[in-house]
Amino acid sequence: MRKSLHNSVAKALRRLRLKLAHGFWRRQDGAAAVEFALIATPFLALIFAIIESALVFFAGQSLETTVAAASRQIMTGQAMTTAYSSGGSAPWSAADFKNAVCAQLSTMFDCSHLYVSAQTYTDFSSANTSTPVQNGTVTVDYNNLPFNTGGPGSIVVVQLYYEWPIYVSLLSDNLANVGSNRLLVATSVFMNEPYQ
């Protein structure tokens, strides 16, 4: 009798396990949560990558707009004939020009990481506008950038350099060109007006 009772209990437990396992596989209660967990990570990574790419392009466009507007101060001769501020003197120094640029930039930029350069050339064909990055290394010394605004009729190349940080690691190979940063370079090439 004990043996038959033991067999009956064992059969009942097996049936109960099968019924529970079968019920577990047929239940749909947590399916949405599991599917969301599988999809959420790549979806959020894609969203952050899109936002970061948009910010990099927006920052580059902001620098381009700013260098064009600030360069007018050099092109029209204002940077060479008038003082930048009431306590300053003419012509503007690189620091004065950087302050004029920073006044036009949005709060997205940290001006302590902005560098300015101005070089004069004899003709447009000799003007160097290349990006100073080779194999992930910046080839210019930010602390010794030239700032020569020339005179009337001079051909001037003004460049702004800004290292924009890249946060989404998925994009670091594609967007970053200097370590984990993207070097943004905005360039304006023009001939100074015949100012007095």
Protein backbone atom coordinates (compact mmCIF):
# COMPACT_ATOMS: atom_id res chain seq x y z
CA MET A 1 0.00 0.00 0.00
CA ARG A 2 2.83 2.35 0.73
CA LYS A 3 4.36 1.64 -2.62
CA SER A 4 1.13 2.35 -4.51
CA LEU A 5 0.59 5.53 -2.46
CA HIS A 6 4.15 6.58 -3.25
CA ASN A 7 3.58 5.90 -6.98
CA SER A 8 0.32 7.84 -6.93
CA VAL A 9 1.96 10.82 -5.27
CA ALA A 10 4.90 10.66 -7.72
CA LYS A 11 2.48 10.53 -10.69
CA ALA A 12 0.50 13.43 -9.27
CA LEU A 13 3.69 15.47 -8.79
CA ARG A 14 4.79 14.68 -12.37
CA ARG A 15 1.41 15.76 -13.71
CA LEU A 16 1.55 18.91 -11.63
CA ARG A 17 5.06 19.74 -12.91
CA LEU A 18 4.00 19.13 -16.51
CA LYS A 19 0.90 21.23 -16.01
CA LEU A 20 2.94 24.07 -14.46
CA ALA A 21 5.61 23.87 -17.18
CA HIS A 22 2.95 23.77 -19.89
CA GLY A 23 1.18 26.72 -18.27
CA PHE A 24 4.46 28.62 -17.98
CA TRP A 25 5.19 28.26 -21.69
CA ARG A 26 1.67 29.26 -22.67
CA ARG A 27 1.48 32.36 -20.47
CA GLN A 28 1.89 35.72 -22.19
CA ASP A 29 1.95 38.00 -19.12
CA GLY A 30 5.67 38.95 -19.26
CA ALA A 31 6.17 38.73 -23.03
CA ALA A 32 5.97 42.49 -23.54
CA ALA A 33 8.53 43.14 -20.79
CA VAL A 34 10.94 40.57 -22.24
CA GLU A 35 10.54 41.93 -25.77
CA PHE A 36 11.05 45.48 -24.54
CA ALA A 37 14.23 44.47 -22.70
CA LEU A 38 15.59 42.88 -25.88
CA ILE A 39 14.78 45.89 -28.05
CA ALA A 40 15.33 48.80 -25.63
CA THR A 41 19.14 48.69 -25.43
CA PRO A 42 19.89 48.88 -29.17
CA PHE A 43 17.01 51.33 -29.66
CA LEU A 44 18.29 53.72 -26.97
CA ALA A 45 21.86 53.39 -28.28
CA LEU A 46 20.62 54.34 -31.75
CA ILE A 47 18.68 57.33 -30.38
CA PHE A 48 21.73 58.60 -28.46
CA ALA A 49 23.93 58.09 -31.54
CA ILE A 50 21.52 60.12 -33.68
CA ILE A 51 21.36 62.91 -31.10
CA GLU A 52 25.16 63.03 -30.74
CA SER A 53 25.68 63.08 -34.51
CA ALA A 54 23.20 65.93 -34.81
CA LEU A 55 24.98 67.86 -32.05
CA VAL A 56 28.36 67.46 -33.75
CA PHE A 57 27.00 68.71 -37.07
CA PHE A 58 25.15 71.57 -35.35
CA ALA A 59 28.33 72.58 -33.49
CA GLY A 60 30.32 72.52 -36.74
CA GLN A 61 27.72 74.67 -38.47
CA SER A 62 27.70 77.10 -35.53
CA LEU A 63 31.49 77.47 -35.81
CA GLU A 64 31.24 78.07 -39.58
CA THR A 65 28.63 80.78 -39.07
CA THR A 66 30.66 82.39 -36.30
CA VAL A 67 33.95 82.43 -38.22
CA ALA A 68 32.22 84.08 -41.18
CA ALA A 69 30.68 86.78 -38.98
CA ALA A 70 33.79 87.41 -36.86
CA SER A 71 36.08 87.48 -39.90
CA ARG A 72 34.22 90.52 -41.20
CA GLN A 73 35.95 92.47 -38.42
CA ILE A 74 39.28 91.66 -40.07
CA MET A 75 38.08 91.96 -43.67
CA THR A 76 36.66 95.46 -43.16
CA GLY A 77 39.70 96.64 -41.19
CA GLN A 78 37.87 97.18 -37.89
CA ALA A 79 40.15 94.70 -36.12
CA MET A 80 43.22 96.66 -37.27
CA THR A 81 42.03 100.25 -36.84
CA THR A 82 39.81 100.24 -33.73
CA ALA A 83 40.27 98.87 -30.21
CA TYR A 84 38.30 95.75 -29.27
CA SER A 85 37.29 97.16 -25.90
CA SER A 86 37.50 100.55 -24.21
CA GLY A 87 40.74 99.56 -22.46
CA GLY A 88 42.24 97.79 -25.49
CA SER A 89 44.32 98.97 -28.39
CA ALA A 90 44.38 98.48 -32.14
CA PRO A 91 45.13 96.16 -33.85
CA TRP A 92 43.30 93.31 -32.14
CA SER A 93 45.34 90.52 -30.59
CA ALA A 94 44.45 86.84 -30.95
CA ALA A 95 42.84 87.04 -27.49
CA ASP A 96 40.69 89.99 -28.60
CA PHE A 97 39.55 88.11 -31.69
CA LYS A 98 38.83 85.01 -29.60
CA ASN A 99 36.71 87.11 -27.24
CA ALA A 100 34.78 88.50 -30.22
CA VAL A 101 34.19 84.93 -31.45
CA CYS A 102 33.13 83.69 -28.01
CA ALA A 103 30.61 86.54 -27.73
CA GLN A 104 28.86 85.13 -30.83
CA LEU A 105 28.99 81.42 -29.90
CA SER A 106 26.21 79.64 -28.06
CA THR A 107 26.57 78.26 -24.56
CA MET A 108 27.24 74.81 -26.05
CA PHE A 109 30.89 75.78 -26.42
CA ASP A 110 33.51 76.10 -23.70
CA CYS A 111 35.68 78.95 -24.97
CA SER A 112 38.69 77.69 -23.03
CA HIS A 113 38.87 74.92 -25.67
CA LEU A 114 38.52 77.28 -28.64
CA TYR A 115 41.64 78.27 -30.59
CA VAL A 116 41.97 80.91 -33.32
CA SER A 117 44.44 81.30 -36.15
CA ALA A 118 44.86 83.96 -38.84
CA GLN A 119 47.46 83.78 -41.62
CA THR A 120 48.11 85.97 -44.63
CA TYR A 121 49.03 84.77 -48.11
CA THR A 122 50.10 86.42 -51.34
CA ASP A 123 47.43 84.73 -53.48
CA PHE A 124 44.43 82.46 -53.06
CA SER A 125 46.13 79.43 -54.62
CA SER A 126 48.78 79.34 -51.88
CA ALA A 127 46.26 79.54 -49.01
CA ASN A 128 46.39 76.46 -46.76
CA THR A 129 42.94 75.40 -45.53
CA SER A 130 43.65 71.75 -44.73
CA THR A 131 42.47 70.11 -41.50
CA PRO A 132 45.43 69.66 -39.14
CA VAL A 133 44.79 66.00 -38.24
CA GLN A 134 46.94 63.09 -39.37
CA ASN A 135 46.41 59.54 -38.06
CA GLY A 136 44.37 60.76 -35.10
CA THR A 137 46.94 63.36 -34.03
CA VAL A 138 46.60 67.13 -34.22
CA THR A 139 49.53 68.53 -36.21
CA VAL A 140 49.31 72.12 -34.92
CA ASP A 141 50.39 73.50 -31.58
CA TYR A 142 47.34 75.27 -30.15
CA ASN A 143 49.54 77.46 -27.96
CA ASN A 144 51.60 78.80 -30.89
CA LEU A 145 49.00 79.49 -33.55
CA PRO A 146 49.82 82.42 -35.85
CA PHE A 147 47.63 85.51 -35.78
CA ASN A 148 48.51 87.81 -38.65
CA THR A 149 45.60 89.83 -40.05
CA GLY A 150 47.61 91.58 -42.78
CA GLY A 151 46.71 94.93 -44.25
CA PRO A 152 44.47 96.31 -47.00
CA GLY A 153 44.27 93.86 -49.93
CA SER A 154 45.88 90.97 -47.98
CA ILE A 155 44.52 87.48 -48.46
CA VAL A 156 43.69 86.09 -45.02
CA VAL A 157 42.77 82.59 -43.82
CA VAL A 158 41.01 82.60 -40.44
CA GLN A 159 40.48 79.23 -38.74
CA LEU A 160 38.71 78.26 -35.52
CA TYR A 161 39.63 74.97 -33.85
CA TYR A 162 37.44 73.25 -31.27
CA GLU A 163 37.73 69.69 -29.91
CA TRP A 164 34.17 68.48 -29.41
CA PRO A 165 33.86 65.52 -26.98
CA ILE A 166 32.19 62.33 -28.26
CA TYR A 167 30.27 60.48 -25.53
CA VAL A 168 28.50 57.60 -27.31
CA SER A 169 31.15 54.92 -27.71
CA LEU A 170 29.38 53.44 -30.76
CA LEU A 171 30.36 56.56 -32.68
CA SER A 172 33.89 57.00 -31.40
CA ASP A 173 35.36 55.23 -34.43
CA ASN A 174 33.29 57.17 -36.94
CA LEU A 175 32.89 60.65 -35.45
CA ALA A 176 36.01 61.03 -33.34
CA ASN A 177 39.17 61.96 -35.21
CA VAL A 178 41.39 62.99 -32.27
CA GLY A 179 41.25 60.44 -29.45
CA SER A 180 37.67 60.48 -28.15
CA ASN A 181 37.04 63.99 -29.53
CA ARG A 182 36.05 65.40 -32.88
CA LEU A 183 38.24 68.30 -34.03
CA LEU A 184 35.94 70.86 -35.57
CA VAL A 185 37.66 73.32 -37.89
CA ALA A 186 35.84 76.33 -39.31
CA THR A 187 37.64 78.29 -42.03
CA SER A 188 37.07 81.62 -43.72
CA VAL A 189 39.22 82.77 -46.66
CA PHE A 190 38.89 86.34 -47.92
CA MET A 191 40.73 89.40 -49.22
CA ASN A 192 40.83 92.42 -46.93
CA GLU A 193 38.99 95.47 -48.18
CA PRO A 194 41.00 98.60 -49.02
CA TYR A 195 40.30 100.25 -45.67
CA GLN A 196 42.11 103.39 -44.47
